[in-house]
Amino acid sequence: MTIRTFWTLFLKILGIWLILSGLTVIPQFISAFAFFGENHQDNFFAAIYIIAILLLTVGLYFVVLKLLVFNSNWLIEKLKLDKGFQEEKLDLNITLKTVLTIATIVIGGLILVDALPMLCKQIFTFMLQKSVFREGPQFSWIIFYFIKALIGYLLMTNSKAVINYIDKKTENIEN
């Protein structure tokens, strides 16, 4: 494995991890809308402010995704990450696809392990409130943690499809 391959692998894993851990930001912004009651002018400006911050945050996550996952070679060149090493090769006989597959499985497992206890807690809290399908902040968190656990599970079980998609997008960008 070359130094460049190591940095490519590291940046892609970091990008996937940042994007997946950043998914919790969007529901927090959306839950802020639950605090708006009547249509007052202050609430309108606060809603516009929250929407602007949400769009900025989502845009930043897309930039991180594009740079770290799909344009990692460009980033390595611009930051000169592969320069200044005495040896050009690292003695590891693992392909990039294998390491990315392992990393995707581990990240999916971490997401699942992170979401499952919170999902159980939210379901328990929901049952204690004796709310039957009431739309509220607690029910929305149940949906969020269920989707997060589902994403973690799907990442673990469909890691090859995710890696093939990343490779396909990377090849399209490099060509």
C-alpha atoms as a PDB file:
ATOM      1  CA  MET A   1       0.000   0.000   0.000  1.00  0.00           C
ATOM      2  CA  THR A   2       1.392   3.362  -0.965  1.00  0.00           C
ATOM      3  CA  ILE A   3       1.262   6.477   1.175  1.00  0.00           C
ATOM      4  CA  ARG A   4      -1.238   7.967  -1.281  1.00  0.00           C
ATOM      5  CA  THR A   5      -3.512   4.928  -0.936  1.00  0.00           C
ATOM      6  CA  PHE A   6      -3.331   5.216   2.841  1.00  0.00           C
ATOM      7  CA  TRP A   7      -4.382   8.876   2.747  1.00  0.00           C
ATOM      8  CA  THR A   8      -7.138   8.112   0.244  1.00  0.00           C
ATOM      9  CA  LEU A   9      -8.449   5.417   2.530  1.00  0.00           C
ATOM     10  CA  PHE A  10      -8.172   7.601   5.624  1.00  0.00           C
ATOM     11  CA  LEU A  11      -9.956  10.557   4.022  1.00  0.00           C
ATOM     12  CA  LYS A  12     -12.786   8.412   2.671  1.00  0.00           C
ATOM     13  CA  ILE A  13     -13.352   6.740   6.034  1.00  0.00           C
ATOM     14  CA  LEU A  14     -13.259  10.118   7.764  1.00  0.00           C
ATOM     15  CA  GLY A  15     -15.718  11.572   5.248  1.00  0.00           C
ATOM     16  CA  ILE A  16     -18.184   8.711   5.628  1.00  0.00           C
ATOM     17  CA  TRP A  17     -17.953   8.919   9.411  1.00  0.00           C
ATOM     18  CA  LEU A  18     -18.489  12.686   9.482  1.00  0.00           C
ATOM     19  CA  ILE A  19     -21.477  12.542   7.164  1.00  0.00           C
ATOM     20  CA  LEU A  20     -23.176   9.725   9.022  1.00  0.00           C
ATOM     21  CA  SER A  21     -22.565  11.235  12.435  1.00  0.00           C
ATOM     22  CA  GLY A  22     -23.778  14.576  11.090  1.00  0.00           C
ATOM     23  CA  LEU A  23     -27.189  13.166  10.235  1.00  0.00           C
ATOM     24  CA  THR A  24     -28.305  13.954  13.781  1.00  0.00           C
ATOM     25  CA  VAL A  25     -28.078  17.678  13.080  1.00  0.00           C
ATOM     26  CA  ILE A  26     -30.997  17.817  10.647  1.00  0.00           C
ATOM     27  CA  PRO A  27     -33.683  16.438  13.026  1.00  0.00           C
ATOM     28  CA  GLN A  28     -32.510  18.839  15.712  1.00  0.00           C
ATOM     29  CA  PHE A  29     -33.179  21.762  13.379  1.00  0.00           C
ATOM     30  CA  ILE A  30     -36.531  20.317  12.367  1.00  0.00           C
ATOM     31  CA  SER A  31     -37.548  19.790  15.993  1.00  0.00           C
ATOM     32  CA  ALA A  32     -36.931  23.505  16.573  1.00  0.00           C
ATOM     33  CA  PHE A  33     -40.028  24.194  14.473  1.00  0.00           C
ATOM     34  CA  ALA A  34     -42.172  22.504  17.147  1.00  0.00           C
ATOM     35  CA  PHE A  35     -41.606  25.517  19.377  1.00  0.00           C
ATOM     36  CA  PHE A  36     -43.290  27.909  16.959  1.00  0.00           C
ATOM     37  CA  GLY A  37     -46.891  28.512  17.852  1.00  0.00           C
ATOM     38  CA  GLU A  38     -49.008  31.188  16.265  1.00  0.00           C
ATOM     39  CA  ASN A  39     -47.921  33.115  13.208  1.00  0.00           C
ATOM     40  CA  HIS A  40     -46.155  36.048  14.807  1.00  0.00           C
ATOM     41  CA  GLN A  41     -43.619  38.118  12.983  1.00  0.00           C
ATOM     42  CA  ASP A  42     -40.849  37.091  15.400  1.00  0.00           C
ATOM     43  CA  ASN A  43     -41.592  33.420  14.751  1.00  0.00           C
ATOM     44  CA  PHE A  44     -41.411  34.040  11.003  1.00  0.00           C
ATOM     45  CA  PHE A  45     -37.943  35.571  11.227  1.00  0.00           C
ATOM     46  CA  ALA A  46     -36.795  32.843  13.611  1.00  0.00           C
ATOM     47  CA  ALA A  47     -38.082  30.201  11.172  1.00  0.00           C
ATOM     48  CA  ILE A  48     -36.251  31.881   8.279  1.00  0.00           C
ATOM     49  CA  TYR A  49     -33.085  31.998  10.392  1.00  0.00           C
ATOM     50  CA  ILE A  50     -33.371  28.294  11.273  1.00  0.00           C
ATOM     51  CA  ILE A  51     -34.005  27.358   7.644  1.00  0.00           C
ATOM     52  CA  ALA A  52     -30.983  29.390   6.526  1.00  0.00           C
ATOM     53  CA  ILE A  53     -28.743  27.746   9.141  1.00  0.00           C
ATOM     54  CA  LEU A  54     -30.108  24.315   8.189  1.00  0.00           C
ATOM     55  CA  LEU A  55     -29.395  24.894   4.492  1.00  0.00           C
ATOM     56  CA  LEU A  56     -25.907  26.162   5.302  1.00  0.00           C
ATOM     57  CA  THR A  57     -25.227  23.105   7.459  1.00  0.00           C
ATOM     58  CA  VAL A  58     -26.516  20.672   4.840  1.00  0.00           C
ATOM     59  CA  GLY A  59     -24.454  22.472   2.203  1.00  0.00           C
ATOM     60  CA  LEU A  60     -21.357  22.155   4.366  1.00  0.00           C
ATOM     61  CA  TYR A  61     -21.982  18.431   4.756  1.00  0.00           C
ATOM     62  CA  PHE A  62     -22.282  18.056   0.981  1.00  0.00           C
ATOM     63  CA  VAL A  63     -18.962  19.871   0.530  1.00  0.00           C
ATOM     64  CA  VAL A  64     -17.334  17.564   3.099  1.00  0.00           C
ATOM     65  CA  LEU A  65     -18.841  14.536   1.348  1.00  0.00           C
ATOM     66  CA  LYS A  66     -17.613  15.681  -2.048  1.00  0.00           C
ATOM     67  CA  LEU A  67     -14.111  16.564  -0.856  1.00  0.00           C
ATOM     68  CA  LEU A  68     -13.372  13.692   1.486  1.00  0.00           C
ATOM     69  CA  VAL A  69     -15.180  10.813  -0.198  1.00  0.00           C
ATOM     70  CA  PHE A  70     -15.317  11.602  -3.910  1.00  0.00           C
ATOM     71  CA  ASN A  71     -12.396  14.025  -4.431  1.00  0.00           C
ATOM     72  CA  SER A  72      -9.889  12.631  -1.965  1.00  0.00           C
ATOM     73  CA  ASN A  73      -7.098  12.522  -4.589  1.00  0.00           C
ATOM     74  CA  TRP A  74      -7.518  16.249  -5.294  1.00  0.00           C
ATOM     75  CA  LEU A  75      -7.390  16.966  -1.565  1.00  0.00           C
ATOM     76  CA  ILE A  76      -4.228  14.861  -1.159  1.00  0.00           C
ATOM     77  CA  GLU A  77      -2.563  16.805  -3.962  1.00  0.00           C
ATOM     78  CA  LYS A  78      -3.572  20.230  -2.640  1.00  0.00           C
ATOM     79  CA  LEU A  79      -2.546  19.479   0.961  1.00  0.00           C
ATOM     80  CA  LYS A  80       0.557  17.525  -0.174  1.00  0.00           C
ATOM     81  CA  LEU A  81      -0.248  14.723   2.267  1.00  0.00           C
ATOM     82  CA  ASP A  82       1.838  12.141   0.416  1.00  0.00           C
ATOM     83  CA  LYS A  83       5.014  14.252   0.414  1.00  0.00           C
ATOM     84  CA  GLY A  84       7.801  14.129   2.980  1.00  0.00           C
ATOM     85  CA  PHE A  85       7.802  10.395   3.735  1.00  0.00           C
ATOM     86  CA  GLN A  86      11.055   8.465   3.569  1.00  0.00           C
ATOM     87  CA  GLU A  87       9.464   5.318   2.190  1.00  0.00           C
ATOM     88  CA  GLU A  88       6.947   5.332  -0.643  1.00  0.00           C
ATOM     89  CA  LYS A  89       5.212   2.088   0.307  1.00  0.00           C
ATOM     90  CA  LEU A  90       3.663   0.681   3.444  1.00  0.00           C
ATOM     91  CA  ASP A  91       3.898  -3.093   3.768  1.00  0.00           C
ATOM     92  CA  LEU A  92       0.210  -3.940   3.931  1.00  0.00           C
ATOM     93  CA  ASN A  93      -1.319  -6.349   1.452  1.00  0.00           C
ATOM     94  CA  ILE A  94      -4.925  -5.215   1.755  1.00  0.00           C
ATOM     95  CA  THR A  95      -6.833  -3.733  -1.147  1.00  0.00           C
ATOM     96  CA  LEU A  96      -8.587  -0.399  -0.859  1.00  0.00           C
ATOM     97  CA  LYS A  97     -11.974  -2.030  -1.444  1.00  0.00           C
ATOM     98  CA  THR A  98     -11.416  -4.484   1.412  1.00  0.00           C
ATOM     99  CA  VAL A  99     -10.459  -1.779   3.875  1.00  0.00           C
ATOM    100  CA  LEU A 100     -13.372   0.434   2.795  1.00  0.00           C
ATOM    101  CA  THR A 101     -15.729  -2.523   3.188  1.00  0.00           C
ATOM    102  CA  ILE A 102     -14.451  -3.182   6.701  1.00  0.00           C
ATOM    103  CA  ALA A 103     -14.702   0.512   7.551  1.00  0.00           C
ATOM    104  CA  THR A 104     -18.282   0.685   6.238  1.00  0.00           C
ATOM    105  CA  ILE A 105     -19.266  -2.337   8.305  1.00  0.00           C
ATOM    106  CA  VAL A 106     -17.652  -0.858  11.423  1.00  0.00           C
ATOM    107  CA  ILE A 107     -19.273   2.548  10.870  1.00  0.00           C
ATOM    108  CA  GLY A 108     -22.649   0.889  10.306  1.00  0.00           C
ATOM    109  CA  GLY A 109     -22.176  -1.099  13.507  1.00  0.00           C
ATOM    110  CA  LEU A 110     -21.283   2.013  15.464  1.00  0.00           C
ATOM    111  CA  ILE A 111     -24.339   3.827  14.138  1.00  0.00           C
ATOM    112  CA  LEU A 112     -26.558   0.873  15.021  1.00  0.00           C
ATOM    113  CA  VAL A 113     -25.063   0.554  18.501  1.00  0.00           C
ATOM    114  CA  ASP A 114     -25.475   4.299  19.024  1.00  0.00           C
ATOM    115  CA  ALA A 115     -29.092   4.416  17.801  1.00  0.00           C
ATOM    116  CA  LEU A 116     -30.541   1.246  19.325  1.00  0.00           C
ATOM    117  CA  PRO A 117     -30.394   2.277  23.010  1.00  0.00           C
ATOM    118  CA  MET A 118     -31.803   5.709  22.220  1.00  0.00           C
ATOM    119  CA  LEU A 119     -34.584   4.112  20.176  1.00  0.00           C
ATOM    120  CA  CYS A 120     -35.495   1.866  23.111  1.00  0.00           C
ATOM    121  CA  LYS A 121     -35.385   4.846  25.485  1.00  0.00           C
ATOM    122  CA  GLN A 122     -37.651   6.933  23.256  1.00  0.00           C
ATOM    123  CA  ILE A 123     -40.131   4.057  22.863  1.00  0.00           C
ATOM    124  CA  PHE A 124     -40.157   3.559  26.628  1.00  0.00           C
ATOM    125  CA  THR A 125     -40.708   7.289  27.227  1.00  0.00           C
ATOM    126  CA  PHE A 126     -43.456   7.323  24.618  1.00  0.00           C
ATOM    127  CA  MET A 127     -45.226   4.389  26.300  1.00  0.00           C
ATOM    128  CA  LEU A 128     -44.971   6.060  29.701  1.00  0.00           C
ATOM    129  CA  GLN A 129     -46.702   9.150  28.386  1.00  0.00           C
ATOM    130  CA  LYS A 130     -49.568   6.953  27.172  1.00  0.00           C
ATOM    131  CA  SER A 131     -49.751   8.906  23.945  1.00  0.00           C
ATOM    132  CA  VAL A 132     -51.431   7.008  21.172  1.00  0.00           C
ATOM    133  CA  PHE A 133     -49.955   8.097  17.825  1.00  0.00           C
ATOM    134  CA  ARG A 134     -49.810  11.717  18.854  1.00  0.00           C
ATOM    135  CA  GLU A 135     -47.622  13.834  16.665  1.00  0.00           C
ATOM    136  CA  GLY A 136     -45.083  15.364  18.968  1.00  0.00           C
ATOM    137  CA  PRO A 137     -41.381  15.700  19.614  1.00  0.00           C
ATOM    138  CA  GLN A 138     -41.133  12.317  21.314  1.00  0.00           C
ATOM    139  CA  PHE A 139     -42.731  10.437  18.423  1.00  0.00           C
ATOM    140  CA  SER A 140     -40.505  12.194  15.900  1.00  0.00           C
ATOM    141  CA  TRP A 141     -37.420  11.094  17.858  1.00  0.00           C
ATOM    142  CA  ILE A 142     -38.672   7.504  17.733  1.00  0.00           C
ATOM    143  CA  ILE A 143     -38.874   7.789  13.957  1.00  0.00           C
ATOM    144  CA  PHE A 144     -35.437   9.402  13.803  1.00  0.00           C
ATOM    145  CA  TYR A 145     -33.705   6.739  15.894  1.00  0.00           C
ATOM    146  CA  PHE A 146     -35.494   3.984  14.000  1.00  0.00           C
ATOM    147  CA  ILE A 147     -34.226   5.405  10.701  1.00  0.00           C
ATOM    148  CA  LYS A 148     -30.740   5.848  12.147  1.00  0.00           C
ATOM    149  CA  ALA A 149     -30.702   2.227  13.360  1.00  0.00           C
ATOM    150  CA  LEU A 150     -31.989   1.122   9.952  1.00  0.00           C
ATOM    151  CA  ILE A 151     -29.210   3.052   8.193  1.00  0.00           C
ATOM    152  CA  GLY A 152     -26.628   1.424  10.458  1.00  0.00           C
ATOM    153  CA  TYR A 153     -28.074  -2.009   9.766  1.00  0.00           C
ATOM    154  CA  LEU A 154     -28.177  -1.388   6.021  1.00  0.00           C
ATOM    155  CA  LEU A 155     -24.590  -0.146   6.021  1.00  0.00           C
ATOM    156  CA  MET A 156     -23.496  -3.315   7.775  1.00  0.00           C
ATOM    157  CA  THR A 157     -25.404  -5.655   5.482  1.00  0.00           C
ATOM    158  CA  ASN A 158     -24.973  -3.784   2.176  1.00  0.00           C
ATOM    159  CA  SER A 159     -21.406  -2.546   2.523  1.00  0.00           C
ATOM    160  CA  LYS A 160     -20.380  -3.858  -0.887  1.00  0.00           C
ATOM    161  CA  ALA A 161     -23.091  -1.833  -2.621  1.00  0.00           C
ATOM    162  CA  VAL A 162     -21.950   1.322  -0.781  1.00  0.00           C
ATOM    163  CA  ILE A 163     -18.306   0.695  -1.727  1.00  0.00           C
ATOM    164  CA  ASN A 164     -19.236   0.005  -5.363  1.00  0.00           C
ATOM    165  CA  TYR A 165     -21.181   3.290  -5.433  1.00  0.00           C
ATOM    166  CA  ILE A 166     -18.229   5.201  -3.977  1.00  0.00           C
ATOM    167  CA  ASP A 167     -15.828   3.582  -6.462  1.00  0.00           C
ATOM    168  CA  LYS A 168     -18.172   4.332  -9.366  1.00  0.00           C
ATOM    169  CA  LYS A 169     -18.519   7.990  -8.347  1.00  0.00           C
ATOM    170  CA  THR A 170     -14.765   8.294  -7.772  1.00  0.00           C
ATOM    171  CA  GLU A 171     -14.011   6.857 -11.223  1.00  0.00           C
ATOM    172  CA  ASN A 172     -16.507   9.267 -12.832  1.00  0.00           C
ATOM    173  CA  ILE A 173     -14.871  12.246 -11.122  1.00  0.00           C
ATOM    174  CA  GLU A 174     -11.309  11.159 -11.938  1.00  0.00           C
ATOM    175  CA  ASN A 175     -12.127  10.597 -15.644  1.00  0.00           C
END
